[in-house]
């Protein structure tokens, strides 16, 4: 699963080097680790802050459109807003503290 937005992680201090080696990033302002959008998220599942249950995963699978459906090219509007917010946040963080 490729992250479509930044995904917050709950990484114990003694596992921070492992998370960093996999590509996790540290948000110093919010003081938490995250997976940046566009990165394969599967290696970080053990640190997801709200990991889905098996029942939730099955419900999500049932909601996915059929492969031959015309709706496969339609993305929920929320995904677009999440992607915009993630890019704005990353751009802001890259500026650093101007003061």
N, C-alpha and C. Protein backbone atom coordinates (compact mmCIF):
# COMPACT_ATOMS: atom_id res chain seq x y z
N UNK A 1 0.85 -1.17 0.00
CA UNK A 1 0.00 0.00 0.00
C UNK A 1 0.90 1.23 0.00
N UNK A 2 0.74 2.07 -0.99
CA UNK A 2 1.48 3.32 -1.09
C UNK A 2 0.71 4.38 -0.31
N UNK A 3 1.40 5.11 0.55
CA UNK A 3 0.76 6.15 1.35
C UNK A 3 0.29 7.28 0.43
N UNK A 4 -1.00 7.63 0.51
CA UNK A 4 -1.53 8.73 -0.29
C UNK A 4 -1.49 10.04 0.48
N UNK A 5 -1.28 9.95 1.77
CA UNK A 5 -1.09 11.13 2.62
C UNK A 5 -0.01 10.77 3.63
N UNK A 6 0.46 11.72 4.37
CA UNK A 6 1.41 11.41 5.44
C UNK A 6 0.68 10.58 6.49
N UNK A 7 1.32 9.54 6.97
CA UNK A 7 0.73 8.65 7.97
C UNK A 7 1.52 8.79 9.26
N UNK A 8 0.83 9.16 10.34
CA UNK A 8 1.48 9.29 11.64
C UNK A 8 1.86 7.92 12.18
N UNK A 9 3.01 7.88 12.84
CA UNK A 9 3.50 6.63 13.43
C UNK A 9 3.75 6.84 14.92
N UNK A 10 3.60 5.77 15.68
CA UNK A 10 3.93 5.78 17.10
C UNK A 10 5.14 4.86 17.27
N UNK A 11 6.32 5.46 17.19
CA UNK A 11 7.57 4.71 17.22
C UNK A 11 8.21 4.85 18.59
N UNK A 12 8.41 3.74 19.31
CA UNK A 12 9.12 3.82 20.59
C UNK A 12 10.55 4.31 20.35
N UNK A 13 11.10 5.01 21.33
CA UNK A 13 12.42 5.61 21.19
C UNK A 13 13.48 4.57 20.79
N UNK A 14 13.40 3.37 21.38
CA UNK A 14 14.42 2.36 21.09
C UNK A 14 14.28 1.76 19.68
N UNK A 15 13.22 2.12 18.93
CA UNK A 15 13.04 1.64 17.57
C UNK A 15 13.17 2.76 16.53
N UNK A 16 13.56 3.96 16.98
CA UNK A 16 13.61 5.11 16.07
C UNK A 16 14.61 4.91 14.93
N UNK A 17 15.74 4.29 15.20
CA UNK A 17 16.74 4.07 14.15
C UNK A 17 16.22 3.11 13.08
N UNK A 18 15.46 2.11 13.53
CA UNK A 18 14.86 1.17 12.59
C UNK A 18 13.85 1.88 11.69
N UNK A 19 12.99 2.70 12.29
CA UNK A 19 11.99 3.45 11.51
C UNK A 19 12.67 4.40 10.53
N UNK A 20 13.71 5.07 11.00
CA UNK A 20 14.43 6.02 10.14
C UNK A 20 15.09 5.29 8.98
N UNK A 21 15.66 4.12 9.23
CA UNK A 21 16.31 3.35 8.18
C UNK A 21 15.31 2.91 7.10
N UNK A 22 14.07 2.72 7.50
CA UNK A 22 13.03 2.33 6.54
C UNK A 22 12.50 3.53 5.76
N UNK A 23 12.82 4.75 6.22
CA UNK A 23 12.37 5.94 5.50
C UNK A 23 11.40 6.82 6.25
N UNK A 24 11.12 6.50 7.51
CA UNK A 24 10.22 7.35 8.30
C UNK A 24 10.89 8.70 8.53
N UNK A 25 10.07 9.72 8.68
CA UNK A 25 10.59 11.06 8.94
C UNK A 25 10.11 11.55 10.29
N UNK A 26 10.90 12.44 10.89
CA UNK A 26 10.59 13.02 12.20
C UNK A 26 10.06 14.43 11.99
N UNK A 27 8.90 14.72 12.55
CA UNK A 27 8.34 16.07 12.54
C UNK A 27 8.69 16.68 13.89
N UNK A 28 9.69 17.55 13.91
CA UNK A 28 10.18 18.12 15.16
C UNK A 28 9.15 19.02 15.82
N UNK A 29 8.37 19.73 15.03
CA UNK A 29 7.36 20.63 15.59
C UNK A 29 6.25 19.86 16.29
N UNK A 30 5.75 18.81 15.63
CA UNK A 30 4.67 18.00 16.22
C UNK A 30 5.21 16.88 17.10
N UNK A 31 6.52 16.65 17.03
CA UNK A 31 7.20 15.62 17.82
C UNK A 31 6.61 14.22 17.59
N UNK A 32 6.57 13.85 16.32
CA UNK A 32 6.13 12.49 15.98
C UNK A 32 6.76 12.04 14.67
N UNK A 33 6.82 10.74 14.49
CA UNK A 33 7.32 10.14 13.27
C UNK A 33 6.17 9.99 12.30
N UNK A 34 6.49 9.99 10.99
CA UNK A 34 5.46 9.79 9.98
C UNK A 34 6.06 9.18 8.72
N UNK A 35 5.19 8.57 7.92
CA UNK A 35 5.55 8.07 6.60
C UNK A 35 5.07 9.11 5.61
N UNK A 36 5.95 9.57 4.76
CA UNK A 36 5.60 10.59 3.78
C UNK A 36 4.76 9.96 2.66
N UNK A 37 3.83 10.75 2.11
CA UNK A 37 3.00 10.24 1.02
C UNK A 37 3.88 9.80 -0.14
N UNK A 38 3.43 8.76 -0.84
CA UNK A 38 4.18 8.22 -1.96
C UNK A 38 5.14 7.11 -1.59
N UNK A 39 5.29 6.84 -0.30
CA UNK A 39 6.19 5.79 0.19
C UNK A 39 5.38 4.53 0.49
N UNK A 40 5.96 3.36 0.25
CA UNK A 40 5.32 2.10 0.59
C UNK A 40 5.15 2.04 2.11
N UNK A 41 3.91 1.92 2.58
CA UNK A 41 3.61 2.00 4.00
C UNK A 41 3.66 0.67 4.74
N UNK A 42 3.64 -0.44 4.02
CA UNK A 42 3.57 -1.76 4.66
C UNK A 42 4.68 -2.00 5.70
N UNK A 43 5.94 -1.60 5.46
CA UNK A 43 6.98 -1.87 6.47
C UNK A 43 6.76 -1.13 7.80
N UNK A 44 5.86 -0.15 7.81
CA UNK A 44 5.64 0.67 9.00
C UNK A 44 4.38 0.28 9.77
N UNK A 45 3.68 -0.78 9.35
CA UNK A 45 2.38 -1.12 9.93
C UNK A 45 2.41 -1.30 11.44
N UNK A 46 3.49 -1.83 11.97
CA UNK A 46 3.53 -2.07 13.43
C UNK A 46 3.53 -0.77 14.22
N UNK A 47 3.82 0.35 13.57
CA UNK A 47 3.85 1.64 14.25
C UNK A 47 2.66 2.53 13.92
N UNK A 48 1.71 2.04 13.10
CA UNK A 48 0.53 2.86 12.79
C UNK A 48 -0.17 3.23 14.08
N UNK A 49 -0.59 4.49 14.19
CA UNK A 49 -1.23 4.95 15.43
C UNK A 49 -2.63 4.40 15.59
N UNK A 50 -3.32 4.14 14.50
CA UNK A 50 -4.66 3.56 14.59
C UNK A 50 -4.77 2.45 13.56
N UNK A 51 -4.10 1.34 13.84
CA UNK A 51 -4.09 0.20 12.92
C UNK A 51 -5.49 -0.37 12.79
N UNK A 52 -5.93 -0.65 11.56
CA UNK A 52 -7.27 -1.19 11.37
C UNK A 52 -7.37 -2.62 11.87
N UNK A 53 -8.54 -2.96 12.33
CA UNK A 53 -8.79 -4.33 12.76
C UNK A 53 -9.07 -5.18 11.54
N UNK A 54 -9.10 -6.48 11.71
CA UNK A 54 -9.37 -7.36 10.58
C UNK A 54 -10.78 -7.10 10.04
N UNK A 55 -11.74 -6.84 10.92
CA UNK A 55 -13.11 -6.56 10.47
C UNK A 55 -13.15 -5.28 9.64
N UNK A 56 -12.41 -4.28 10.07
CA UNK A 56 -12.37 -3.02 9.32
C UNK A 56 -11.73 -3.25 7.95
N UNK A 57 -10.66 -4.02 7.90
CA UNK A 57 -9.99 -4.30 6.64
C UNK A 57 -10.92 -5.04 5.68
N UNK A 58 -11.70 -5.99 6.21
CA UNK A 58 -12.64 -6.72 5.36
C UNK A 58 -13.73 -5.79 4.85
N UNK A 59 -14.21 -4.88 5.69
CA UNK A 59 -15.25 -3.94 5.27
C UNK A 59 -14.73 -3.01 4.18
N UNK A 60 -13.49 -2.57 4.30
CA UNK A 60 -12.90 -1.70 3.29
C UNK A 60 -12.76 -2.46 1.98
N UNK A 61 -12.34 -3.72 2.03
CA UNK A 61 -12.21 -4.52 0.82
C UNK A 61 -13.55 -4.64 0.10
N UNK A 62 -14.63 -4.81 0.85
CA UNK A 62 -15.96 -4.93 0.24
C UNK A 62 -16.39 -3.63 -0.42
N UNK A 63 -15.90 -2.50 0.06
CA UNK A 63 -16.29 -1.20 -0.47
C UNK A 63 -15.52 -0.83 -1.73
N UNK A 64 -14.43 -1.51 -2.01
CA UNK A 64 -13.61 -1.18 -3.18
C UNK A 64 -14.40 -1.49 -4.45
N UNK A 65 -14.26 -0.62 -5.45
CA UNK A 65 -14.99 -0.85 -6.70
C UNK A 65 -14.43 -2.05 -7.44
N UNK A 66 -15.27 -2.66 -8.27
CA UNK A 66 -14.84 -3.79 -9.08
C UNK A 66 -13.81 -3.31 -10.10
N UNK A 67 -12.93 -4.18 -10.51
CA UNK A 67 -11.87 -3.82 -11.44
C UNK A 67 -12.42 -3.35 -12.78
N UNK A 68 -13.53 -3.89 -13.22
CA UNK A 68 -14.11 -3.52 -14.51
C UNK A 68 -15.06 -2.34 -14.40
N UNK A 69 -15.26 -1.84 -13.22
CA UNK A 69 -16.20 -0.75 -13.01
C UNK A 69 -15.65 0.55 -13.57
N UNK A 70 -16.53 1.40 -14.08
CA UNK A 70 -16.12 2.70 -14.60
C UNK A 70 -15.68 3.64 -13.49
N UNK A 71 -16.03 3.32 -12.24
CA UNK A 71 -15.70 4.20 -11.13
C UNK A 71 -14.27 4.03 -10.63
N UNK A 72 -13.49 3.14 -11.25
CA UNK A 72 -12.12 2.93 -10.76
C UNK A 72 -11.24 4.14 -10.97
N UNK A 73 -11.60 5.03 -11.88
CA UNK A 73 -10.80 6.23 -12.12
C UNK A 73 -11.23 7.41 -11.27
N UNK A 74 -12.25 7.22 -10.43
CA UNK A 74 -12.77 8.30 -9.62
C UNK A 74 -12.18 8.19 -8.22
N UNK A 75 -11.55 9.30 -7.74
CA UNK A 75 -11.00 9.33 -6.40
C UNK A 75 -11.94 10.13 -5.51
N UNK A 76 -12.06 9.74 -4.24
CA UNK A 76 -12.85 10.56 -3.32
C UNK A 76 -12.21 11.94 -3.19
N UNK A 77 -13.03 12.95 -3.04
CA UNK A 77 -12.55 14.32 -2.91
C UNK A 77 -11.65 14.49 -1.70
N UNK A 78 -11.93 13.75 -0.62
CA UNK A 78 -11.11 13.83 0.58
C UNK A 78 -9.65 13.48 0.31
N UNK A 79 -9.41 12.54 -0.62
CA UNK A 79 -8.04 12.17 -0.96
C UNK A 79 -7.29 13.35 -1.55
N UNK A 80 -8.00 14.13 -2.39
CA UNK A 80 -7.36 15.31 -2.99
C UNK A 80 -7.01 16.34 -1.93
N UNK A 81 -7.92 16.58 -0.99
CA UNK A 81 -7.65 17.55 0.06
C UNK A 81 -6.50 17.08 0.95
N UNK A 82 -6.46 15.78 1.25
CA UNK A 82 -5.37 15.24 2.06
C UNK A 82 -4.03 15.42 1.36
N UNK A 83 -4.01 15.17 0.05
CA UNK A 83 -2.76 15.32 -0.70
C UNK A 83 -2.32 16.78 -0.74
N UNK A 84 -3.27 17.70 -0.91
CA UNK A 84 -2.94 19.13 -0.91
C UNK A 84 -2.41 19.55 0.45
N UNK A 85 -3.09 19.13 1.51
CA UNK A 85 -2.64 19.47 2.86
C UNK A 85 -1.24 18.92 3.14
N UNK A 86 -0.98 17.70 2.70
CA UNK A 86 0.34 17.10 2.93
C UNK A 86 1.42 17.89 2.20
N UNK A 87 1.15 18.30 0.96
CA UNK A 87 2.14 19.08 0.21
C UNK A 87 2.37 20.45 0.83
N UNK A 88 1.30 21.09 1.27
CA UNK A 88 1.46 22.39 1.93
C UNK A 88 2.27 22.26 3.22
N UNK A 89 1.98 21.22 4.01
CA UNK A 89 2.69 21.00 5.27
C UNK A 89 4.16 20.75 5.00
N UNK A 90 4.46 19.91 3.99
CA UNK A 90 5.86 19.61 3.66
C UNK A 90 6.59 20.85 3.17
N UNK A 91 5.91 21.67 2.35
CA UNK A 91 6.53 22.90 1.85
C UNK A 91 6.81 23.86 3.01
N UNK A 92 5.86 23.97 3.92
CA UNK A 92 6.03 24.86 5.08
C UNK A 92 7.20 24.38 5.95
N UNK A 93 7.26 23.06 6.19
CA UNK A 93 8.33 22.51 7.03
C UNK A 93 9.69 22.70 6.38
N UNK A 94 9.75 22.65 5.05
CA UNK A 94 11.03 22.79 4.37
C UNK A 94 11.58 24.22 4.46
N UNK A 95 10.70 25.19 4.74
CA UNK A 95 11.15 26.57 4.87
C UNK A 95 11.93 26.79 6.16
N UNK A 96 11.66 25.98 7.14
CA UNK A 96 12.31 26.14 8.44
C UNK A 96 11.74 27.33 9.20
N UNK A 97 12.31 27.62 10.32
CA UNK A 97 11.84 28.73 11.16
C UNK A 97 12.51 30.03 10.69
N UNK A 98 11.72 30.98 10.13
CA UNK A 98 12.32 32.20 9.60
C UNK A 98 12.74 33.18 10.69
N UNK A 99 12.41 32.91 11.92
CA UNK A 99 12.73 33.87 13.01
C UNK A 99 13.80 33.34 13.92
